[in-house]
Amino acid sequence: MPENQAGLILTAATTTTRGKAYQLHGSKHSFMGYGTTTAGAGAATIIIEVSNVDAPAASTDVDWKTVGTITLVLGTTQTNDAFVIDAPYKWCRAQVTAISGTDASVNVAKCVSSY
């Protein structure tokens, strides 16, 4: 039976920002971005980055590789998108590279399945 480990890696981001690094275990990882606005339409672009460096640099992209991009069309009803990777990376982080809309806010969750 697989063991799942889930959690938020970025919470209520309202501006472009880099999330902190989270250690990964196992090789099957899913990432889901979701968000809303308080009025009208908006948009957000979130990249998921990974690293196998023992202590990756937090403030730059030097030690990080983009493994996926989540593009959201935001509205007052929550929207989401997700993807899965099958690779044993040590670290992950989410980075909001663009966000717009009235009080736009996004979150990113990860889930790791160990088989």
C-alpha atoms as a PDB file:
ATOM      1  CA  MET A   1       0.000   0.000   0.000  1.00  0.00           C
ATOM      2  CA  PRO A   2       1.497   3.415  -0.930  1.00  0.00           C
ATOM      3  CA  GLU A   3       2.174   6.022   1.727  1.00  0.00           C
ATOM      4  CA  ASN A   4       1.125   9.578   0.834  1.00  0.00           C
ATOM      5  CA  GLN A   5       2.677  12.730   2.258  1.00  0.00           C
ATOM      6  CA  ALA A   6       0.789  15.899   1.384  1.00  0.00           C
ATOM      7  CA  GLY A   7       1.147  19.520   2.363  1.00  0.00           C
ATOM      8  CA  LEU A   8       1.220  23.126   1.254  1.00  0.00           C
ATOM      9  CA  ILE A   9       4.540  24.425  -0.050  1.00  0.00           C
ATOM     10  CA  LEU A  10       3.241  27.947  -0.759  1.00  0.00           C
ATOM     11  CA  THR A  11       0.351  29.609   1.049  1.00  0.00           C
ATOM     12  CA  ALA A  12      -1.734  32.661   0.109  1.00  0.00           C
ATOM     13  CA  ALA A  13       0.818  34.229  -2.250  1.00  0.00           C
ATOM     14  CA  THR A  14      -0.424  37.611  -3.496  1.00  0.00           C
ATOM     15  CA  THR A  15       2.750  38.839  -5.232  1.00  0.00           C
ATOM     16  CA  THR A  16       5.576  37.315  -7.235  1.00  0.00           C
ATOM     17  CA  THR A  17       7.612  35.325  -4.742  1.00  0.00           C
ATOM     18  CA  ARG A  18       9.796  32.283  -4.180  1.00  0.00           C
ATOM     19  CA  GLY A  19       8.619  29.777  -1.607  1.00  0.00           C
ATOM     20  CA  LYS A  20      10.990  28.080   0.788  1.00  0.00           C
ATOM     21  CA  ALA A  21      12.656  24.779  -0.050  1.00  0.00           C
ATOM     22  CA  TYR A  22      10.983  21.558   1.055  1.00  0.00           C
ATOM     23  CA  GLN A  23      12.745  18.229   1.252  1.00  0.00           C
ATOM     24  CA  LEU A  24      11.295  15.485  -0.935  1.00  0.00           C
ATOM     25  CA  HIS A  25      11.147  11.776  -0.176  1.00  0.00           C
ATOM     26  CA  GLY A  26      10.343   9.103  -2.722  1.00  0.00           C
ATOM     27  CA  SER A  27      10.139   9.621  -6.456  1.00  0.00           C
ATOM     28  CA  LYS A  28       6.465  10.145  -7.371  1.00  0.00           C
ATOM     29  CA  HIS A  29       5.489  13.764  -6.708  1.00  0.00           C
ATOM     30  CA  SER A  30       2.353  15.678  -7.627  1.00  0.00           C
ATOM     31  CA  PHE A  31       2.020  19.450  -7.468  1.00  0.00           C
ATOM     32  CA  MET A  32      -1.255  21.396  -7.572  1.00  0.00           C
ATOM     33  CA  GLY A  33      -1.677  25.155  -7.768  1.00  0.00           C
ATOM     34  CA  TYR A  34      -5.000  26.785  -6.954  1.00  0.00           C
ATOM     35  CA  GLY A  35      -6.324  30.262  -6.327  1.00  0.00           C
ATOM     36  CA  THR A  36      -9.006  32.932  -6.537  1.00  0.00           C
ATOM     37  CA  THR A  37      -9.716  36.633  -6.815  1.00  0.00           C
ATOM     38  CA  THR A  38     -12.290  38.579  -4.830  1.00  0.00           C
ATOM     39  CA  ALA A  39     -13.782  40.194  -7.952  1.00  0.00           C
ATOM     40  CA  GLY A  40     -13.428  39.711 -11.695  1.00  0.00           C
ATOM     41  CA  ALA A  41     -10.772  37.821 -13.577  1.00  0.00           C
ATOM     42  CA  GLY A  42      -7.088  37.381 -12.909  1.00  0.00           C
ATOM     43  CA  ALA A  43      -4.212  35.098 -13.780  1.00  0.00           C
ATOM     44  CA  ALA A  44      -1.222  33.464 -12.153  1.00  0.00           C
ATOM     45  CA  THR A  45       1.851  31.588 -13.321  1.00  0.00           C
ATOM     46  CA  ILE A  46       3.594  29.276 -10.889  1.00  0.00           C
ATOM     47  CA  ILE A  47       6.743  27.309 -11.599  1.00  0.00           C
ATOM     48  CA  ILE A  48       7.807  24.265  -9.622  1.00  0.00           C
ATOM     49  CA  GLU A  49      11.550  23.943  -9.190  1.00  0.00           C
ATOM     50  CA  VAL A  50      13.621  21.013  -7.930  1.00  0.00           C
ATOM     51  CA  SER A  51      17.222  20.467  -6.887  1.00  0.00           C
ATOM     52  CA  ASN A  52      19.579  17.633  -5.979  1.00  0.00           C
ATOM     53  CA  VAL A  53      22.159  19.971  -4.426  1.00  0.00           C
ATOM     54  CA  ASP A  54      22.644  19.233  -0.709  1.00  0.00           C
ATOM     55  CA  ALA A  55      22.060  22.880   0.315  1.00  0.00           C
ATOM     56  CA  PRO A  56      20.554  24.755  -2.680  1.00  0.00           C
ATOM     57  CA  ALA A  57      20.802  28.546  -2.769  1.00  0.00           C
ATOM     58  CA  ALA A  58      17.515  30.018  -1.587  1.00  0.00           C
ATOM     59  CA  SER A  59      17.660  33.482  -3.133  1.00  0.00           C
ATOM     60  CA  THR A  60      18.682  32.587  -6.699  1.00  0.00           C
ATOM     61  CA  ASP A  61      17.843  30.110  -9.452  1.00  0.00           C
ATOM     62  CA  VAL A  62      21.424  28.787  -9.681  1.00  0.00           C
ATOM     63  CA  ASP A  63      20.831  25.391  -8.022  1.00  0.00           C
ATOM     64  CA  TRP A  64      17.251  24.915  -9.247  1.00  0.00           C
ATOM     65  CA  LYS A  65      15.657  23.301 -12.316  1.00  0.00           C
ATOM     66  CA  THR A  66      12.110  24.035 -13.456  1.00  0.00           C
ATOM     67  CA  VAL A  67      10.162  20.781 -13.812  1.00  0.00           C
ATOM     68  CA  GLY A  68       6.736  22.233 -14.509  1.00  0.00           C
ATOM     69  CA  THR A  69       4.624  25.334 -14.948  1.00  0.00           C
ATOM     70  CA  ILE A  70       1.106  25.825 -13.628  1.00  0.00           C
ATOM     71  CA  THR A  71      -0.916  28.510 -15.395  1.00  0.00           C
ATOM     72  CA  LEU A  72      -4.163  29.570 -13.744  1.00  0.00           C
ATOM     73  CA  VAL A  73      -7.020  31.740 -14.987  1.00  0.00           C
ATOM     74  CA  LEU A  74      -8.341  33.125 -11.718  1.00  0.00           C
ATOM     75  CA  GLY A  75     -11.853  34.179 -10.773  1.00  0.00           C
ATOM     76  CA  THR A  76     -14.105  34.332  -7.747  1.00  0.00           C
ATOM     77  CA  THR A  77     -14.557  30.561  -7.954  1.00  0.00           C
ATOM     78  CA  GLN A  78     -11.386  28.617  -7.163  1.00  0.00           C
ATOM     79  CA  THR A  79      -9.487  27.257 -10.159  1.00  0.00           C
ATOM     80  CA  ASN A  80      -6.632  24.755 -10.161  1.00  0.00           C
ATOM     81  CA  ASP A  81      -4.198  22.772 -12.237  1.00  0.00           C
ATOM     82  CA  ALA A  82      -1.697  20.054 -11.415  1.00  0.00           C
ATOM     83  CA  PHE A  83       0.998  17.785 -12.772  1.00  0.00           C
ATOM     84  CA  VAL A  84       3.013  14.741 -11.693  1.00  0.00           C
ATOM     85  CA  ILE A  85       6.718  13.922 -11.917  1.00  0.00           C
ATOM     86  CA  ASP A  86       8.456  10.588 -11.366  1.00  0.00           C
ATOM     87  CA  ALA A  87      11.994  11.519 -10.345  1.00  0.00           C
ATOM     88  CA  PRO A  88      13.889  11.306  -7.031  1.00  0.00           C
ATOM     89  CA  TYR A  89      14.813  14.940  -6.372  1.00  0.00           C
ATOM     90  CA  LYS A  90      15.988  16.085  -2.898  1.00  0.00           C
ATOM     91  CA  TRP A  91      14.255  19.481  -2.773  1.00  0.00           C
ATOM     92  CA  CYS A  92      11.326  21.373  -4.276  1.00  0.00           C
ATOM     93  CA  ARG A  93       9.950  24.883  -4.111  1.00  0.00           C
ATOM     94  CA  ALA A  94       7.199  26.891  -5.795  1.00  0.00           C
ATOM     95  CA  GLN A  95       7.754  30.279  -7.396  1.00  0.00           C
ATOM     96  CA  VAL A  96       4.980  32.665  -8.430  1.00  0.00           C
ATOM     97  CA  THR A  97       6.345  34.440 -11.496  1.00  0.00           C
ATOM     98  CA  ALA A  98       3.178  36.419 -12.347  1.00  0.00           C
ATOM     99  CA  ILE A  99      -0.088  37.187 -10.585  1.00  0.00           C
ATOM    100  CA  SER A 100      -2.905  39.629 -11.350  1.00  0.00           C
ATOM    101  CA  GLY A 101      -6.490  40.354 -10.392  1.00  0.00           C
ATOM    102  CA  THR A 102      -8.369  41.933  -7.508  1.00  0.00           C
ATOM    103  CA  ASP A 103      -6.930  40.457  -4.302  1.00  0.00           C
ATOM    104  CA  ALA A 104      -5.589  37.503  -6.288  1.00  0.00           C
ATOM    105  CA  SER A 105      -4.151  34.752  -4.103  1.00  0.00           C
ATOM    106  CA  VAL A 106      -2.636  31.351  -4.903  1.00  0.00           C
ATOM    107  CA  ASN A 107      -1.527  28.254  -3.007  1.00  0.00           C
ATOM    108  CA  VAL A 108       0.576  25.279  -4.028  1.00  0.00           C
ATOM    109  CA  ALA A 109       0.255  21.784  -2.570  1.00  0.00           C
ATOM    110  CA  LYS A 110       2.482  18.770  -3.059  1.00  0.00           C
ATOM    111  CA  CYS A 111       1.843  15.105  -2.537  1.00  0.00           C
ATOM    112  CA  VAL A 112       4.450  12.350  -2.537  1.00  0.00           C
ATOM    113  CA  SER A 113       3.485   8.714  -3.005  1.00  0.00           C
ATOM    114  CA  SER A 114       5.999   6.086  -1.893  1.00  0.00           C
ATOM    115  CA  TYR A 115       5.557   2.655  -3.435  1.00  0.00           C
END
